[in-house]
Amino acid sequence: MKFDMGALPRASRYKLMTASITPRPIAWVTSQSAAGLRNAAPYSFFNMMGDDPPIIVIGLMRRGDDAFKDSAANILETGEFVVNLVSEADSAAMNITCMDAPPEVDEIDCAGLEVTPSDLVAPPRIATAPVSFECRLVTSLSPGGRQTIAVAEVLMTHVRDEFVLDADRCHLDTLAMGLIGRMHGSGWYARATDLFHLDRVSYEAWKAR
């Protein structure tokens, strides 16, 4: 079946894309306004885009009244934020920070999160997160509608000691982190536990078959 995306209402486009583009990694963003108001919120329109420089992108949606959500407002105002990755152990706290609280409400306090200062940016990082990336905004794009895309450089990466197998070689115990991803529909998530492995095939090996 074919779906003409230009002819569909926004809610239908959202359903088709989020039900099929899965699992999606979750950026648990901590940010801070210029006045010092903190915010935490999860975003699954997120991924790594390269390593030279180390770039991540986050898709930031506006509210129904067309105003920026708190994370987007803070990022665009200050140019700084932290992307914390989400373990299953933190899933309940992450879910609390999903709520649409007023800007003056600190979701970090609401969720009872322990935070620790960042090294190079003002927003704190979540202490229990397996990995945290301190980020600085490079540019933002507004392709239309209620969307803004934040493109940021990772300035500092924090990995909890128990997940570092070999610091010199940057080998991490990814499976032990228990990271979760966003799935289809409301409230569905995935664990990274059902895996399989494929060796990359070289062109020479492919020709020899």
N, C-alpha and C. Protein backbone atom coordinates (compact mmCIF):
# COMPACT_ATOMS: atom_id res chain seq x y z
N MET A 1 0.84 -1.19 0.00
CA MET A 1 0.00 0.00 0.00
C MET A 1 0.88 1.24 0.00
N LYS A 2 0.47 2.24 -0.75
CA LYS A 2 1.22 3.49 -0.83
C LYS A 2 0.50 4.59 -0.06
N PHE A 3 1.30 5.45 0.59
CA PHE A 3 0.76 6.57 1.33
C PHE A 3 1.39 7.86 0.79
N ASP A 4 0.60 8.73 0.25
CA ASP A 4 1.06 10.02 -0.24
C ASP A 4 1.23 10.95 0.97
N MET A 5 2.46 11.13 1.39
CA MET A 5 2.71 11.87 2.63
C MET A 5 2.23 13.32 2.54
N GLY A 6 2.31 13.90 1.34
CA GLY A 6 1.87 15.27 1.18
C GLY A 6 0.37 15.45 1.32
N ALA A 7 -0.37 14.35 1.12
CA ALA A 7 -1.83 14.43 1.19
C ALA A 7 -2.37 14.04 2.56
N LEU A 8 -1.51 13.50 3.43
CA LEU A 8 -1.96 13.03 4.74
C LEU A 8 -1.90 14.13 5.79
N PRO A 9 -2.77 14.09 6.78
CA PRO A 9 -2.65 15.03 7.90
C PRO A 9 -1.41 14.71 8.73
N ARG A 10 -0.96 15.68 9.49
CA ARG A 10 0.28 15.54 10.26
C ARG A 10 0.26 14.32 11.18
N ALA A 11 -0.87 14.09 11.86
CA ALA A 11 -0.95 12.97 12.80
C ALA A 11 -0.74 11.63 12.10
N SER A 12 -1.23 11.51 10.88
CA SER A 12 -1.07 10.25 10.13
C SER A 12 0.37 10.06 9.68
N ARG A 13 1.02 11.13 9.26
CA ARG A 13 2.44 11.04 8.89
C ARG A 13 3.27 10.60 10.10
N TYR A 14 2.95 11.18 11.25
CA TYR A 14 3.66 10.83 12.48
C TYR A 14 3.50 9.34 12.78
N LYS A 15 2.27 8.83 12.68
CA LYS A 15 2.02 7.42 12.97
C LYS A 15 2.80 6.51 12.03
N LEU A 16 2.80 6.80 10.74
CA LEU A 16 3.50 5.95 9.77
C LEU A 16 5.00 5.92 10.04
N MET A 17 5.56 7.07 10.30
CA MET A 17 7.01 7.14 10.46
C MET A 17 7.47 6.55 11.79
N THR A 18 6.77 6.88 12.88
CA THR A 18 7.21 6.37 14.18
C THR A 18 6.91 4.89 14.36
N ALA A 19 5.94 4.36 13.60
CA ALA A 19 5.66 2.92 13.69
C ALA A 19 6.62 2.09 12.87
N SER A 20 7.34 2.72 11.94
CA SER A 20 8.24 1.96 11.07
C SER A 20 9.72 2.27 11.30
N ILE A 21 10.05 3.48 11.70
CA ILE A 21 11.45 3.84 11.95
C ILE A 21 11.75 3.52 13.41
N THR A 22 12.07 2.27 13.67
CA THR A 22 12.29 1.79 15.03
C THR A 22 13.40 0.74 15.04
N PRO A 23 14.03 0.48 16.17
CA PRO A 23 13.96 1.29 17.39
C PRO A 23 14.76 2.57 17.22
N ARG A 24 14.37 3.60 17.95
CA ARG A 24 15.06 4.88 17.88
C ARG A 24 15.78 5.13 19.21
N PRO A 25 17.06 5.52 19.16
CA PRO A 25 17.74 5.86 20.41
C PRO A 25 17.09 7.07 21.05
N ILE A 26 17.26 7.19 22.35
CA ILE A 26 16.60 8.27 23.10
C ILE A 26 17.66 9.23 23.65
N ALA A 27 17.49 10.49 23.31
CA ALA A 27 18.31 11.55 23.89
C ALA A 27 17.55 12.12 25.08
N TRP A 28 18.03 11.84 26.27
CA TRP A 28 17.43 12.39 27.49
C TRP A 28 18.14 13.71 27.74
N VAL A 29 17.55 14.79 27.25
CA VAL A 29 18.23 16.08 27.19
C VAL A 29 18.07 16.85 28.49
N THR A 30 19.19 17.26 29.05
CA THR A 30 19.16 18.22 30.15
C THR A 30 19.64 19.56 29.59
N SER A 31 18.88 20.60 29.92
CA SER A 31 19.20 21.94 29.43
C SER A 31 18.92 22.94 30.54
N GLN A 32 19.28 24.18 30.25
CA GLN A 32 19.14 25.22 31.27
C GLN A 32 18.96 26.55 30.58
N SER A 33 17.98 27.33 31.03
CA SER A 33 17.76 28.65 30.44
C SER A 33 18.86 29.61 30.87
N ALA A 34 18.91 30.75 30.22
CA ALA A 34 19.91 31.76 30.59
C ALA A 34 19.69 32.24 32.02
N ALA A 35 18.44 32.13 32.49
CA ALA A 35 18.13 32.54 33.86
C ALA A 35 18.41 31.44 34.88
N GLY A 36 18.83 30.27 34.40
CA GLY A 36 19.20 29.19 35.31
C GLY A 36 18.12 28.16 35.57
N LEU A 37 16.97 28.23 34.87
CA LEU A 37 15.92 27.24 35.05
C LEU A 37 16.29 25.95 34.32
N ARG A 38 16.28 24.85 35.04
CA ARG A 38 16.70 23.56 34.47
C ARG A 38 15.52 22.83 33.84
N ASN A 39 15.85 21.94 32.92
CA ASN A 39 14.83 21.14 32.25
C ASN A 39 15.43 19.79 31.88
N ALA A 40 14.59 18.76 31.92
CA ALA A 40 14.97 17.44 31.42
C ALA A 40 13.81 16.89 30.62
N ALA A 41 14.11 16.31 29.44
CA ALA A 41 13.05 15.75 28.60
C ALA A 41 13.67 14.77 27.61
N PRO A 42 12.96 13.67 27.30
CA PRO A 42 13.47 12.69 26.34
C PRO A 42 13.02 13.01 24.91
N TYR A 43 13.92 12.75 23.96
CA TYR A 43 13.65 12.95 22.53
C TYR A 43 14.13 11.73 21.75
N SER A 44 13.22 11.13 20.98
CA SER A 44 13.63 9.97 20.19
C SER A 44 13.86 10.32 18.72
N PHE A 45 13.67 11.58 18.34
CA PHE A 45 14.11 12.02 17.01
C PHE A 45 15.55 12.48 17.18
N PHE A 46 16.46 11.50 17.23
CA PHE A 46 17.84 11.76 17.66
C PHE A 46 18.78 10.71 17.06
N ASN A 47 19.97 11.15 16.69
CA ASN A 47 21.00 10.19 16.30
C ASN A 47 22.35 10.89 16.09
N MET A 48 23.37 10.05 15.93
CA MET A 48 24.73 10.49 15.58
C MET A 48 24.80 10.69 14.07
N MET A 49 25.45 11.76 13.65
CA MET A 49 25.58 12.05 12.22
C MET A 49 27.01 12.01 11.70
N GLY A 50 27.97 11.84 12.58
CA GLY A 50 29.36 11.79 12.11
C GLY A 50 30.33 11.95 13.27
N ASP A 51 31.63 11.78 12.96
CA ASP A 51 32.63 11.84 14.02
C ASP A 51 33.73 12.85 13.77
N ASP A 52 33.67 13.60 12.68
CA ASP A 52 34.75 14.55 12.37
C ASP A 52 34.15 15.83 11.77
N PRO A 53 33.64 16.73 12.60
CA PRO A 53 33.59 16.69 14.06
C PRO A 53 32.49 15.75 14.56
N PRO A 54 32.50 15.42 15.86
CA PRO A 54 31.46 14.54 16.41
C PRO A 54 30.13 15.28 16.49
N ILE A 55 29.19 14.87 15.64
CA ILE A 55 27.95 15.61 15.48
C ILE A 55 26.75 14.73 15.84
N ILE A 56 25.82 15.31 16.59
CA ILE A 56 24.54 14.67 16.83
C ILE A 56 23.44 15.63 16.36
N VAL A 57 22.25 15.06 16.06
CA VAL A 57 21.11 15.89 15.70
C VAL A 57 19.91 15.49 16.56
N ILE A 58 19.07 16.46 16.86
CA ILE A 58 17.84 16.22 17.60
C ILE A 58 16.71 16.97 16.91
N GLY A 59 15.60 16.27 16.69
CA GLY A 59 14.41 16.90 16.14
C GLY A 59 13.54 17.42 17.27
N LEU A 60 13.31 18.73 17.29
CA LEU A 60 12.57 19.39 18.36
C LEU A 60 11.22 19.85 17.81
N MET A 61 10.15 19.36 18.40
CA MET A 61 8.80 19.72 17.96
C MET A 61 8.26 20.86 18.81
N ARG A 62 7.45 21.70 18.21
CA ARG A 62 6.79 22.78 18.94
C ARG A 62 5.54 22.25 19.65
N ARG A 63 5.04 23.02 20.58
CA ARG A 63 3.78 22.70 21.24
C ARG A 63 2.60 22.97 20.29
N GLY A 64 1.42 22.57 20.75
CA GLY A 64 0.23 22.80 19.95
C GLY A 64 -0.06 24.27 19.70
N ASP A 65 0.40 25.15 20.63
CA ASP A 65 0.19 26.59 20.45
C ASP A 65 1.31 27.24 19.65
N ASP A 66 2.18 26.39 19.05
CA ASP A 66 3.28 26.81 18.19
C ASP A 66 4.46 27.40 18.96
N ALA A 67 4.42 27.37 20.29
CA ALA A 67 5.55 27.83 21.09
C ALA A 67 6.58 26.71 21.20
N PHE A 68 7.85 27.09 21.39
CA PHE A 68 8.89 26.09 21.59
C PHE A 68 8.69 25.38 22.92
N LYS A 69 8.95 24.08 22.95
CA LYS A 69 9.02 23.37 24.22
C LYS A 69 10.25 23.86 24.98
N ASP A 70 10.30 23.55 26.27
CA ASP A 70 11.35 24.11 27.13
C ASP A 70 12.75 23.75 26.66
N SER A 71 12.96 22.48 26.28
CA SER A 71 14.30 22.06 25.84
C SER A 71 14.74 22.86 24.62
N ALA A 72 13.85 22.97 23.63
CA ALA A 72 14.19 23.71 22.41
C ALA A 72 14.47 25.17 22.72
N ALA A 73 13.63 25.78 23.57
CA ALA A 73 13.84 27.19 23.93
C ALA A 73 15.19 27.39 24.60
N ASN A 74 15.54 26.47 25.52
CA ASN A 74 16.82 26.58 26.22
C ASN A 74 18.00 26.39 25.28
N ILE A 75 17.91 25.38 24.41
CA ILE A 75 19.00 25.10 23.48
C ILE A 75 19.23 26.27 22.54
N LEU A 76 18.15 26.83 22.00
CA LEU A 76 18.28 27.94 21.06
C LEU A 76 18.73 29.21 21.76
N GLU A 77 18.39 29.36 23.03
CA GLU A 77 18.77 30.55 23.78
C GLU A 77 20.24 30.51 24.21
N THR A 78 20.70 29.35 24.68
CA THR A 78 22.04 29.26 25.27
C THR A 78 23.05 28.54 24.39
N GLY A 79 22.57 27.68 23.49
CA GLY A 79 23.48 26.92 22.63
C GLY A 79 24.14 25.75 23.33
N GLU A 80 23.66 25.39 24.53
CA GLU A 80 24.29 24.30 25.29
C GLU A 80 23.24 23.33 25.81
N PHE A 81 23.62 22.06 25.84
CA PHE A 81 22.76 21.03 26.43
C PHE A 81 23.57 19.76 26.61
N VAL A 82 22.97 18.79 27.32
CA VAL A 82 23.59 17.49 27.52
C VAL A 82 22.63 16.41 27.03
N VAL A 83 23.15 15.47 26.26
CA VAL A 83 22.39 14.29 25.86
C VAL A 83 22.80 13.14 26.77
N ASN A 84 21.87 12.67 27.57
CA ASN A 84 22.08 11.52 28.43
C ASN A 84 21.39 10.32 27.80
N LEU A 85 22.07 9.18 27.73
CA LEU A 85 21.44 7.98 27.20
C LEU A 85 20.65 7.30 28.31
N VAL A 86 19.62 6.55 27.93
CA VAL A 86 18.65 6.03 28.90
C VAL A 86 18.80 4.53 29.08
N SER A 87 19.06 4.10 30.30
CA SER A 87 19.06 2.68 30.64
C SER A 87 17.66 2.30 31.11
N GLU A 88 17.38 1.00 31.08
CA GLU A 88 16.07 0.55 31.55
C GLU A 88 15.86 0.91 33.02
N ALA A 89 16.94 0.93 33.80
CA ALA A 89 16.83 1.29 35.21
C ALA A 89 16.34 2.72 35.41
N ASP A 90 16.57 3.58 34.42
CA ASP A 90 16.14 4.98 34.50
C ASP A 90 14.82 5.24 33.78
N SER A 91 14.19 4.19 33.24
CA SER A 91 13.04 4.40 32.37
C SER A 91 11.87 5.07 33.08
N ALA A 92 11.61 4.70 34.33
CA ALA A 92 10.49 5.31 35.05
C ALA A 92 10.72 6.80 35.28
N ALA A 93 11.95 7.15 35.64
CA ALA A 93 12.28 8.57 35.84
C ALA A 93 12.20 9.33 34.52
N MET A 94 12.69 8.71 33.45
CA MET A 94 12.60 9.34 32.13
C MET A 94 11.14 9.61 31.77
N ASN A 95 10.28 8.64 32.08
CA ASN A 95 8.87 8.78 31.73
C ASN A 95 8.23 9.96 32.47
N ILE A 96 8.66 10.21 33.70
CA ILE A 96 8.15 11.37 34.43
C ILE A 96 8.54 12.66 33.72
N THR A 97 9.75 12.71 33.18
CA THR A 97 10.20 13.93 32.52
C THR A 97 9.55 14.14 31.16
N CYS A 98 8.75 13.16 30.71
CA CYS A 98 7.98 13.33 29.48
C CYS A 98 6.83 14.31 29.65
N MET A 99 6.40 14.53 30.88
CA MET A 99 5.18 15.30 31.11
C MET A 99 5.35 16.74 30.65
N ASP A 100 4.24 17.34 30.26
CA ASP A 100 4.23 18.70 29.72
C ASP A 100 4.09 19.70 30.87
N ALA A 101 5.16 19.83 31.64
CA ALA A 101 5.14 20.72 32.80
C ALA A 101 5.38 22.17 32.37
N PRO A 102 4.90 23.13 33.14
CA PRO A 102 5.18 24.55 32.84
C PRO A 102 6.67 24.84 32.89
N PRO A 103 7.12 25.87 32.19
CA PRO A 103 8.57 26.18 32.14
C PRO A 103 9.22 26.37 33.50
N GLU A 104 8.47 26.86 34.48
CA GLU A 104 9.07 27.12 35.79
C GLU A 104 9.23 25.85 36.62
N VAL A 105 8.70 24.72 36.16
CA VAL A 105 8.80 23.46 36.89
C VAL A 105 10.06 22.72 36.46
N ASP A 106 10.84 22.27 37.42
CA ASP A 106 12.09 21.55 37.18
C ASP A 106 11.80 20.05 37.15
N GLU A 107 11.79 19.45 35.95
CA GLU A 107 11.51 18.02 35.83
C GLU A 107 12.58 17.16 36.49
N ILE A 108 13.77 17.70 36.64
CA ILE A 108 14.84 16.97 37.32
C ILE A 108 14.43 16.71 38.77
N ASP A 109 13.87 17.72 39.42
CA ASP A 109 13.38 17.55 40.79
C ASP A 109 12.15 16.65 40.82
N CYS A 110 11.24 16.83 39.87
CA CYS A 110 10.02 16.02 39.83
C CYS A 110 10.33 14.53 39.76
N ALA A 111 11.35 14.18 38.98
CA ALA A 111 11.70 12.78 38.79
C ALA A 111 12.68 12.27 39.84
N GLY A 112 13.12 13.14 40.76
CA GLY A 112 14.07 12.74 41.79
C GLY A 112 15.42 12.34 41.23
N LEU A 113 15.85 13.02 40.17
CA LEU A 113 17.10 12.66 39.51
C LEU A 113 18.31 13.24 40.23
N GLU A 114 19.35 12.42 40.32
CA GLU A 114 20.64 12.91 40.80
C GLU A 114 21.41 13.45 39.61
N VAL A 115 21.88 14.68 39.71
CA VAL A 115 22.65 15.26 38.62
C VAL A 115 24.02 15.66 39.13
N THR A 116 24.93 15.85 38.18
CA THR A 116 26.29 16.23 38.52
C THR A 116 26.74 17.30 37.53
N PRO A 117 27.62 18.22 37.92
CA PRO A 117 28.01 19.30 37.01
C PRO A 117 28.70 18.77 35.75
N SER A 118 28.46 19.45 34.65
CA SER A 118 29.19 19.16 33.42
C SER A 118 30.53 19.88 33.46
N ASP A 119 31.42 19.50 32.55
CA ASP A 119 32.75 20.11 32.51
C ASP A 119 32.80 21.38 31.67
N LEU A 120 32.09 21.36 30.51
CA LEU A 120 32.26 22.43 29.54
C LEU A 120 30.98 23.20 29.22
N VAL A 121 29.84 22.73 29.71
CA VAL A 121 28.58 23.42 29.46
C VAL A 121 27.86 23.63 30.79
N ALA A 122 26.90 24.57 30.81
CA ALA A 122 26.21 24.91 32.05
C ALA A 122 25.21 23.85 32.51
N PRO A 123 24.42 23.23 31.61
CA PRO A 123 23.43 22.25 32.10
C PRO A 123 24.11 21.06 32.76
N PRO A 124 23.51 20.52 33.80
CA PRO A 124 24.08 19.35 34.47
C PRO A 124 23.82 18.09 33.66
N ARG A 125 24.52 17.03 34.02
CA ARG A 125 24.26 15.73 33.41
C ARG A 125 23.64 14.81 34.45
N ILE A 126 22.91 13.81 33.98
CA ILE A 126 22.22 12.87 34.87
C ILE A 126 23.23 11.84 35.35
N ALA A 127 23.41 11.75 36.65
CA ALA A 127 24.48 10.94 37.23
C ALA A 127 24.31 9.46 36.94
N THR A 128 23.07 8.98 36.85
CA THR A 128 22.84 7.55 36.65
C THR A 128 22.88 7.13 35.18
N ALA A 129 22.96 8.08 34.27
CA ALA A 129 23.00 7.74 32.84
C ALA A 129 24.28 6.99 32.52
N PRO A 130 24.21 5.91 31.73
CA PRO A 130 25.43 5.19 31.37
C PRO A 130 26.42 6.06 30.60
N VAL A 131 25.88 6.92 29.72
CA VAL A 131 26.71 7.80 28.89
C VAL A 131 26.04 9.16 28.82
N SER A 132 26.85 10.21 28.89
CA SER A 132 26.34 11.58 28.72
C SER A 132 27.27 12.32 27.77
N PHE A 133 26.66 13.10 26.87
CA PHE A 133 27.40 13.89 25.90
C PHE A 133 27.14 15.37 26.16
N GLU A 134 28.19 16.11 26.49
CA GLU A 134 28.06 17.56 26.60
C GLU A 134 28.11 18.14 25.18
N CYS A 135 27.11 18.95 24.84
CA CYS A 135 26.95 19.40 23.46
C CYS A 135 26.86 20.92 23.35
N ARG A 136 27.35 21.43 22.24
CA ARG A 136 27.21 22.84 21.90
C ARG A 136 26.57 22.95 20.53
N LEU A 137 25.54 23.77 20.43
CA LEU A 137 24.80 23.94 19.19
C LEU A 137 25.69 24.50 18.09
N VAL A 138 25.66 23.85 16.92
CA VAL A 138 26.39 24.34 15.74
C VAL A 138 25.46 25.17 14.87
N THR A 139 24.26 24.63 14.63
CA THR A 139 23.27 25.35 13.85
C THR A 139 21.91 24.73 14.12
N SER A 140 20.88 25.46 13.75
CA SER A 140 19.52 24.92 13.83
C SER A 140 18.83 25.15 12.50
N LEU A 141 17.99 24.21 12.13
CA LEU A 141 17.29 24.27 10.86
C LEU A 141 15.80 24.25 11.12
N SER A 142 15.05 25.03 10.35
CA SER A 142 13.60 25.04 10.46
C SER A 142 13.01 24.70 9.10
N PRO A 143 12.76 23.40 8.84
CA PRO A 143 12.27 22.99 7.52
C PRO A 143 10.82 23.34 7.27
N GLY A 144 10.13 23.86 8.27
CA GLY A 144 8.73 24.22 8.10
C GLY A 144 7.87 23.56 9.16
N GLY A 145 6.62 23.94 9.18
CA GLY A 145 5.71 23.36 10.15
C GLY A 145 6.12 23.68 11.57
N ARG A 146 6.05 22.67 12.42
CA ARG A 146 6.36 22.87 13.85
C ARG A 146 7.68 22.22 14.23
N GLN A 147 8.59 22.10 13.29
CA GLN A 147 9.83 21.36 13.52
C GLN A 147 11.04 22.29 13.53
N THR A 148 11.97 21.98 14.44
CA THR A 148 13.30 22.58 14.43
C THR A 148 14.30 21.45 14.62
N ILE A 149 15.36 21.46 13.84
CA ILE A 149 16.40 20.43 13.94
C ILE A 149 17.64 21.09 14.52
N ALA A 150 18.08 20.59 15.66
CA ALA A 150 19.29 21.08 16.31
C ALA A 150 20.47 20.21 15.90
N VAL A 151 21.51 20.84 15.37
CA VAL A 151 22.75 20.16 14.99
C VAL A 151 23.82 20.61 15.99
N ALA A 152 24.44 19.67 16.68
CA ALA A 152 25.35 20.05 17.76
C ALA A 152 26.62 19.22 17.72
N GLU A 153 27.69 19.81 18.24
CA GLU A 153 28.97 19.12 18.37
C GLU A 153 29.11 18.58 19.79
N VAL A 154 29.57 17.35 19.90
CA VAL A 154 29.84 16.76 21.21
C VAL A 154 31.21 17.23 21.69
N LEU A 155 31.22 17.92 22.82
CA LEU A 155 32.47 18.47 23.36
C LEU A 155 33.14 17.53 24.35
N MET A 156 32.34 16.80 25.11
CA MET A 156 32.86 15.91 26.15
C MET A 156 31.92 14.72 26.29
N THR A 157 32.50 13.53 26.39
CA THR A 157 31.72 12.32 26.60
C THR A 157 32.05 11.75 27.97
N HIS A 158 31.03 11.44 28.75
CA HIS A 158 31.18 10.81 30.05
C HIS A 158 30.61 9.41 29.99
N VAL A 159 31.40 8.42 30.37
CA VAL A 159 30.94 7.03 30.43
C VAL A 159 31.20 6.52 31.84
N ARG A 160 30.17 5.97 32.47
CA ARG A 160 30.37 5.43 33.81
C ARG A 160 31.42 4.34 33.80
N ASP A 161 32.29 4.34 34.82
CA ASP A 161 33.48 3.49 34.84
C ASP A 161 33.17 2.02 34.60
N GLU A 162 32.05 1.53 35.14
CA GLU A 162 31.76 0.11 35.03
C GLU A 162 31.46 -0.34 33.60
N PHE A 163 31.26 0.63 32.70
CA PHE A 163 30.95 0.28 31.31
C PHE A 163 32.15 0.49 30.38
N VAL A 164 33.31 0.82 30.95
CA VAL A 164 34.53 1.01 30.14
C VAL A 164 35.37 -0.25 30.24
N LEU A 165 35.50 -0.96 29.13
CA LEU A 165 36.31 -2.19 29.09
C LEU A 165 37.78 -1.88 28.88
N ASP A 166 38.08 -0.93 27.99
CA ASP A 166 39.46 -0.57 27.68
C ASP A 166 39.46 0.90 27.30
N ALA A 167 39.89 1.76 28.22
CA ALA A 167 39.84 3.19 27.98
C ALA A 167 40.76 3.61 26.84
N ASP A 168 41.95 3.00 26.74
CA ASP A 168 42.90 3.38 25.71
C ASP A 168 42.35 3.09 24.31
N ARG A 169 41.60 2.01 24.17
CA ARG A 169 41.03 1.64 22.87
C ARG A 169 39.59 2.10 22.71
N CYS A 170 39.07 2.79 23.73
CA CYS A 170 37.68 3.27 23.71
C CYS A 170 36.69 2.13 23.49
N HIS A 171 36.93 1.00 24.13
CA HIS A 171 36.02 -0.15 24.07
C HIS A 171 35.06 -0.09 25.25
N LEU A 172 33.79 -0.11 24.94
CA LEU A 172 32.76 -0.02 25.97
C LEU A 172 31.94 -1.31 26.02
N ASP A 173 31.38 -1.58 27.19
CA ASP A 173 30.49 -2.74 27.36
C ASP A 173 29.06 -2.26 27.10
N THR A 174 28.74 -2.13 25.83
CA THR A 174 27.46 -1.54 25.43
C THR A 174 26.27 -2.33 25.96
N LEU A 175 26.32 -3.64 25.88
CA LEU A 175 25.18 -4.45 26.30
C LEU A 175 24.91 -4.30 27.80
N ALA A 176 25.99 -4.14 28.58
CA ALA A 176 25.81 -4.01 30.02
C ALA A 176 25.12 -2.70 30.40
N MET A 177 25.11 -1.73 29.50
CA MET A 177 24.46 -0.45 29.80
C MET A 177 22.94 -0.59 29.92
N GLY A 178 22.38 -1.61 29.29
CA GLY A 178 20.93 -1.80 29.35
C GLY A 178 20.14 -0.68 28.71
N LEU A 179 20.64 -0.15 27.60
CA LEU A 179 19.98 0.98 26.94
C LEU A 179 18.64 0.55 26.35
N ILE A 180 17.72 1.49 26.34
CA ILE A 180 16.42 1.22 25.72
C ILE A 180 16.22 2.15 24.53
N GLY A 181 15.32 1.75 23.62
CA GLY A 181 15.00 2.54 22.45
C GLY A 181 13.50 2.72 22.33
N ARG A 182 13.11 3.70 21.58
CA ARG A 182 11.68 4.01 21.39
C ARG A 182 11.12 3.16 20.26
N MET A 183 9.93 2.63 20.48
CA MET A 183 9.27 1.80 19.47
C MET A 183 8.01 2.50 18.97
N HIS A 184 7.10 1.71 18.42
CA HIS A 184 5.86 2.21 17.83
C HIS A 184 4.86 2.58 18.93
N GLY A 185 3.90 3.42 18.57
CA GLY A 185 2.76 3.66 19.45
C GLY A 185 3.12 4.31 20.76
N SER A 186 2.10 4.58 21.53
CA SER A 186 2.26 5.29 22.79
C SER A 186 2.81 4.37 23.87
N GLY A 187 3.95 4.74 24.44
CA GLY A 187 4.48 4.05 25.60
C GLY A 187 5.27 2.78 25.34
N TRP A 188 5.61 2.47 24.08
CA TRP A 188 6.34 1.23 23.79
C TRP A 188 7.83 1.49 23.61
N TYR A 189 8.63 0.61 24.27
CA TYR A 189 10.08 0.73 24.23
C TYR A 189 10.69 -0.64 23.93
N ALA A 190 11.97 -0.64 23.55
CA ALA A 190 12.66 -1.89 23.24
C ALA A 190 13.95 -1.99 24.04
N ARG A 191 14.30 -3.23 24.39
CA ARG A 191 15.59 -3.51 25.01
C ARG A 191 16.57 -3.97 23.93
N ALA A 192 17.84 -3.70 24.13
CA ALA A 192 18.87 -4.11 23.17
C ALA A 192 19.43 -5.46 23.60
N THR A 193 18.58 -6.48 23.59
CA THR A 193 19.00 -7.80 24.08
C THR A 193 18.90 -8.91 23.04
N ASP A 194 18.15 -8.72 21.98
CA ASP A 194 17.98 -9.76 20.96
C ASP A 194 18.81 -9.34 19.74
N LEU A 195 20.04 -9.84 19.66
CA LEU A 195 20.99 -9.36 18.67
C LEU A 195 21.44 -10.48 17.74
N PHE A 196 21.93 -10.09 16.57
CA PHE A 196 22.65 -11.03 15.70
C PHE A 196 23.79 -10.26 15.04
N HIS A 197 24.76 -11.01 14.52
CA HIS A 197 25.98 -10.40 14.01
C HIS A 197 26.20 -10.78 12.55
N LEU A 198 26.63 -9.81 11.74
CA LEU A 198 27.01 -10.05 10.36
C LEU A 198 28.37 -9.43 10.10
N ASP A 199 29.31 -10.20 9.55
CA ASP A 199 30.58 -9.63 9.13
C ASP A 199 30.38 -8.84 7.85
N ARG A 200 31.00 -7.67 7.77
CA ARG A 200 30.91 -6.86 6.55
C ARG A 200 31.63 -7.56 5.42
N VAL A 201 31.00 -7.62 4.25
CA VAL A 201 31.57 -8.30 3.08
C VAL A 201 32.35 -7.30 2.25
N SER A 202 33.60 -7.65 1.93
CA SER A 202 34.39 -6.80 1.05
C SER A 202 33.98 -7.04 -0.40
N TYR A 203 34.25 -6.08 -1.25
CA TYR A 203 33.91 -6.24 -2.67
C TYR A 203 34.68 -7.40 -3.28
N GLU A 204 35.96 -7.55 -2.91
CA GLU A 204 36.76 -8.65 -3.44
C GLU A 204 36.19 -10.00 -3.04
N ALA A 205 35.76 -10.13 -1.79
CA ALA A 205 35.17 -11.38 -1.33
C ALA A 205 33.85 -11.64 -2.03
N TRP A 206 33.07 -10.59 -2.28
CA TRP A 206 31.79 -10.75 -2.97
C TRP A 206 32.00 -11.24 -4.40
N LYS A 207 33.03 -10.68 -5.07
CA LYS A 207 33.31 -11.10 -6.45
C LYS A 207 33.77 -12.54 -6.52
N ALA A 208 34.44 -13.00 -5.46
CA ALA A 208 34.99 -14.36 -5.47
C ALA A 208 33.95 -15.43 -5.20
N ARG A 209 32.77 -15.06 -4.78
CA ARG A 209 31.75 -16.05 -4.45
C ARG A 209 31.17 -16.70 -5.69
